[in-house]
Protein backbone atom coordinates (compact mmCIF):
# COMPACT_ATOMS: atom_id res chain seq x y z
CA UNK A 1 75.33 109.54 63.00
CA UNK A 2 75.59 107.41 66.07
CA UNK A 3 78.60 105.23 66.50
CA UNK A 4 78.69 101.72 67.68
CA UNK A 5 80.20 101.89 71.16
CA UNK A 6 79.71 98.05 71.86
CA UNK A 7 83.03 96.72 73.42
CA UNK A 8 84.72 93.98 71.55
CA UNK A 9 84.40 91.74 74.49
CA UNK A 10 80.49 91.94 74.02
CA UNK A 11 80.67 90.38 70.66
CA UNK A 12 78.60 87.24 70.40
CA UNK A 13 80.54 84.11 70.90
CA UNK A 14 80.73 81.58 68.21
CA UNK A 15 78.32 78.71 68.49
CA UNK A 16 79.55 75.64 70.36
CA UNK A 17 80.75 72.61 68.25
CA UNK A 18 77.98 70.19 67.48
CA UNK A 19 78.29 67.22 69.55
CA UNK A 20 75.19 65.29 68.42
CA UNK A 21 72.92 62.98 70.27
CA UNK A 22 74.06 60.75 73.16
CA UNK A 23 75.12 57.32 72.13
CA UNK A 24 72.11 55.80 73.62
CA UNK A 25 69.83 57.95 71.42
CA UNK A 26 70.99 56.04 68.35
CA UNK A 27 68.84 52.96 68.96
CA UNK A 28 70.04 51.05 65.84
CA UNK A 29 73.71 50.90 66.99
CA UNK A 30 73.12 48.18 69.48
CA UNK A 31 71.38 45.74 67.18
CA UNK A 32 73.93 46.62 64.50
CA UNK A 33 76.89 45.62 66.81
CA UNK A 34 74.85 42.57 68.02
CA UNK A 35 74.45 41.38 64.34
CA UNK A 36 78.09 41.96 63.39
CA UNK A 37 79.52 40.18 66.54
CA UNK A 38 76.92 37.25 66.33
CA UNK A 39 77.75 36.74 62.53
CA UNK A 40 81.55 36.74 63.35
CA UNK A 41 81.08 34.32 66.27
CA UNK A 42 79.02 31.98 64.22
CA UNK A 43 81.40 31.92 61.16
CA UNK A 44 84.90 32.53 62.12
CA UNK A 45 85.51 29.47 64.32
CA UNK A 46 84.96 27.21 61.29
CA UNK A 47 87.92 28.89 59.52
CA UNK A 48 90.27 28.73 62.50
CA UNK A 49 90.32 25.01 63.03
CA UNK A 50 92.55 24.36 59.95
CA UNK A 51 90.15 21.54 59.17
CA UNK A 52 88.74 21.40 55.60
CA UNK A 53 85.69 19.59 56.98
CA UNK A 54 84.67 22.56 58.98
CA UNK A 55 84.26 24.86 55.91
CA UNK A 56 80.90 26.11 55.40
CA UNK A 57 81.05 26.28 51.77
CA UNK A 58 82.00 23.75 49.09
CA UNK A 59 85.71 23.45 48.44
CA UNK A 60 87.52 22.82 45.11
CA UNK A 61 88.11 19.11 44.91
CA UNK A 62 91.49 19.56 43.17
CA UNK A 63 93.09 21.80 45.96
CA UNK A 64 90.70 21.74 49.08
CA UNK A 65 93.50 22.75 51.50
CA UNK A 66 94.50 25.83 49.45
CA UNK A 67 90.94 26.83 49.00
CA UNK A 68 90.34 26.49 52.57
CA UNK A 69 93.31 28.72 53.57
CA UNK A 70 92.22 31.36 51.14
CA UNK A 71 88.80 31.35 52.81
CA UNK A 72 90.20 31.39 56.14
CA UNK A 73 92.18 34.40 55.42
CA UNK A 74 89.24 36.24 53.73
CA UNK A 75 86.88 35.33 56.63
CA UNK A 76 89.58 36.50 59.25
CA UNK A 77 90.25 39.90 57.79
CA UNK A 78 86.59 40.23 56.70
CA UNK A 79 85.69 39.86 60.46
CA UNK A 80 87.86 42.77 61.24
CA UNK A 81 86.33 44.87 58.47
CA UNK A 82 82.84 43.89 59.71
CA UNK A 83 83.40 44.97 63.39
CA UNK A 84 85.38 48.06 62.56
CA UNK A 85 82.94 49.19 59.97
CA UNK A 86 80.21 49.11 62.53
CA UNK A 87 82.25 51.55 64.58
CA UNK A 88 82.86 53.86 61.68
CA UNK A 89 79.10 54.60 61.13
CA UNK A 90 78.51 55.43 64.82
CA UNK A 91 77.96 59.19 64.92
CA UNK A 92 78.62 59.63 68.60
CA UNK A 93 81.96 57.74 68.38
CA UNK A 94 83.01 59.88 65.55
CA UNK A 95 82.19 63.13 67.35
CA UNK A 96 83.02 62.24 70.96
CA UNK A 97 86.19 60.26 70.40
CA UNK A 98 87.62 61.20 66.81
CA UNK A 99 90.94 59.52 67.53
CA UNK A 100 89.19 56.24 68.02
CA UNK A 101 87.16 56.84 64.94
CA UNK A 102 90.35 57.50 62.89
CA UNK A 103 92.14 54.45 64.38
CA UNK A 104 89.22 52.14 63.63
CA UNK A 105 88.98 53.65 60.23
CA UNK A 106 92.70 52.75 59.47
CA UNK A 107 92.16 49.26 60.61
CA UNK A 108 89.01 48.91 58.52
CA UNK A 109 90.86 49.93 55.36
CA UNK A 110 94.20 48.50 55.86
CA UNK A 111 93.55 45.32 58.23
CA UNK A 112 89.87 44.58 56.79
CA UNK A 113 89.10 45.88 53.27
CA UNK A 114 92.57 45.62 51.58
CA UNK A 115 93.53 42.00 52.58
CA UNK A 116 89.97 40.62 52.70
CA UNK A 117 89.18 42.24 49.38
CA UNK A 118 92.31 40.81 47.78
CA UNK A 119 91.49 37.28 48.99
CA UNK A 120 87.96 37.80 48.07
CA UNK A 121 88.93 38.43 44.45
CA UNK A 122 90.92 35.04 44.41
CA UNK A 123 88.34 32.95 46.22
CA UNK A 124 85.74 34.36 43.79
CA UNK A 125 87.68 33.00 40.91
CA UNK A 126 88.42 29.57 42.49
CA UNK A 127 84.83 29.28 43.85
CA UNK A 128 82.61 26.29 42.80
CA UNK A 129 79.79 28.67 41.76
CA UNK A 130 79.26 29.24 38.13
CA UNK A 131 80.46 32.26 36.10
CA UNK A 132 77.31 34.47 36.98
CA UNK A 133 78.26 34.03 40.73
CA UNK A 134 81.85 34.70 40.08
CA UNK A 135 81.06 37.84 38.30
CA UNK A 136 78.84 39.09 41.02
CA UNK A 137 81.36 38.45 43.71
CA UNK A 138 84.11 40.32 41.69
CA UNK A 139 81.86 43.26 41.02
CA UNK A 140 81.13 43.40 44.82
CA UNK A 141 84.85 43.36 45.54
CA UNK A 142 85.68 46.05 43.02
CA UNK A 143 82.99 48.32 44.28
CA UNK A 144 84.01 47.67 47.95
CA UNK A 145 87.48 48.90 47.04
CA UNK A 146 86.27 51.83 45.08
CA UNK A 147 83.84 53.20 47.66
CA UNK A 148 86.37 52.62 50.50
CA UNK A 149 89.31 54.42 48.83
CA UNK A 150 87.11 57.17 47.57
CA UNK A 151 86.06 57.72 51.18
CA UNK A 152 89.68 57.56 52.41
CA UNK A 153 90.84 59.98 49.84
CA UNK A 154 88.01 62.39 50.75
CA UNK A 155 89.13 62.18 54.47
CA UNK A 156 92.60 62.95 53.60
CA UNK A 157 91.47 66.06 51.54
CA UNK A 158 89.30 67.09 54.51
CA UNK A 159 86.07 66.72 52.48
CA UNK A 160 84.36 64.93 55.47
CA UNK A 161 80.80 65.31 54.00
CA UNK A 162 82.04 63.45 50.99
CA UNK A 163 83.92 60.96 53.20
CA UNK A 164 80.84 60.07 55.27
CA UNK A 165 78.87 59.51 52.10
CA UNK A 166 81.43 57.16 50.52
CA UNK A 167 81.84 55.31 53.83
CA UNK A 168 78.15 54.60 54.07
CA UNK A 169 78.34 53.08 50.64
CA UNK A 170 81.39 50.96 51.75
CA UNK A 171 79.40 49.97 54.94
CA UNK A 172 76.57 48.73 52.78
CA UNK A 173 78.69 46.57 50.63
CA UNK A 174 80.57 45.21 53.56
CA UNK A 175 77.39 44.12 55.31
CA UNK A 176 76.26 42.57 52.13
CA UNK A 177 77.68 39.38 53.31
CA UNK A 178 75.25 39.40 56.26
CA UNK A 179 72.32 40.30 54.00
CA UNK A 180 73.47 37.50 51.70
CA UNK A 181 72.45 34.77 54.35
CA UNK A 182 69.09 36.59 54.84
CA UNK A 183 68.38 36.58 51.05
CA UNK A 184 69.29 32.82 50.76
CA UNK A 185 66.59 31.98 53.43
CA UNK A 186 64.04 34.08 51.50
CA UNK A 187 64.95 32.69 48.12
CA UNK A 188 64.85 29.16 49.35
CA UNK A 189 61.26 29.58 50.77
CA UNK A 190 60.26 31.43 47.50
CA UNK A 191 61.60 28.67 45.24
CA UNK A 192 60.62 25.46 47.20
CA UNK A 193 57.19 25.29 45.71
CA UNK A 194 58.88 25.11 42.25
CA UNK A 195 61.13 22.15 43.03
CA UNK A 196 58.87 19.40 41.78
CA UNK A 197 57.81 21.44 38.75
CA UNK A 198 60.40 23.76 37.37
CA UNK A 199 63.44 22.07 38.73
CA UNK A 200 62.07 18.48 38.16
CA UNK A 201 62.78 17.52 41.87
CA UNK A 202 66.47 18.71 41.51
CA UNK A 203 67.12 20.47 44.67
CA UNK A 204 70.81 21.07 43.90
CA UNK A 205 69.91 23.07 40.79
CA UNK A 206 67.61 25.06 42.96
CA UNK A 207 70.27 25.83 45.57
CA UNK A 208 72.71 26.76 42.78
CA UNK A 209 70.33 29.38 41.44
CA UNK A 210 69.61 30.58 45.00
CA UNK A 211 73.43 30.93 45.59
CA UNK A 212 73.93 33.13 42.42
CA UNK A 213 70.80 35.26 43.04
CA UNK A 214 71.72 36.00 46.63
CA UNK A 215 75.23 37.18 45.56
CA UNK A 216 73.74 39.73 43.25
CA UNK A 217 70.64 40.68 45.37
CA UNK A 218 72.64 41.22 48.50
CA UNK A 219 74.95 43.95 47.39
CA UNK A 220 72.52 45.64 44.95
CA UNK A 221 69.74 46.02 47.32
CA UNK A 222 72.26 47.13 50.27
CA UNK A 223 73.77 49.83 47.82
CA UNK A 224 70.23 51.01 46.70
CA UNK A 225 69.13 51.34 50.37
CA UNK A 226 72.46 53.32 51.27
CA UNK A 227 71.90 55.69 48.33
CA UNK A 228 68.20 56.21 49.46
CA UNK A 229 69.55 56.90 52.89
CA UNK A 230 71.94 59.41 51.61
CA UNK A 231 69.46 61.21 49.50
CA UNK A 232 66.52 61.41 51.83
CA UNK A 233 65.71 64.71 53.47
CA UNK A 234 65.88 64.70 57.35
CA UNK A 235 62.71 65.73 59.13
CA UNK A 236 64.26 68.81 60.43
CA UNK A 237 64.93 70.07 56.92
CA UNK A 238 61.49 69.11 55.74
CA UNK A 239 59.83 71.14 58.67
CA UNK A 240 62.10 74.18 58.02
CA UNK A 241 61.25 74.13 54.31
CA UNK A 242 57.61 74.40 54.92
CA UNK A 243 57.68 77.96 56.44
CA UNK A 244 59.95 79.09 53.61
CA UNK A 245 57.61 77.80 51.06
CA UNK A 246 54.67 79.47 52.55
CA UNK A 247 56.54 82.82 52.75
CA UNK A 248 57.42 82.56 49.08
CA UNK A 249 53.91 82.09 48.11
CA UNK A 250 52.49 84.85 50.26
CA UNK A 251 55.13 87.28 49.25
């Protein structure tokens, strides 16, 4: 029986580590950062002036200054979360610069989600919206904490596939604040024809319904889209599955 005389040095080398596409081959990353930066630039200055008149939402009449300060902290830390979260979902940054990815991840969790989420819970309770809106915001906050810390735990256990899945969900919940403004515009246009009829000319009642509906729709739809994204089959897998299925039927 012939013996294998191939020298050890001739053994095939392990495949190179996957680096993924270049940063410019992810066309969605530029508009994502643009939206995050623009949103922060438009909202954050109104909560850095320490003037309650600059608030973009209605404040509690009994304690407007305290309400405004709570909102200011929530928006400031939420801005950190929004910007660092955009960095976390950038595959090129994660693969090419893992140290930056880890550093931005820590900022996202401990300088963004934790302080902003705690303040979001307090702000939700003292908000002027009705109970349905308060409950919607509190559920959003709870799910934001849950998905974020589930992702952090998976990363520390080196379950990186699970980590990425949880962080996609956390990202979707974080960006629900951006989607909320889009849904407000859509709902206002959809309900305007009913102001004179259903609302008997009461535009304040219509805007109250819009506020509550947009709170719920923004994070539920975002979470559904994120789960669809996670469960989808990439094109490469769909193509590779076709020959295997054809072989199985002809065998």
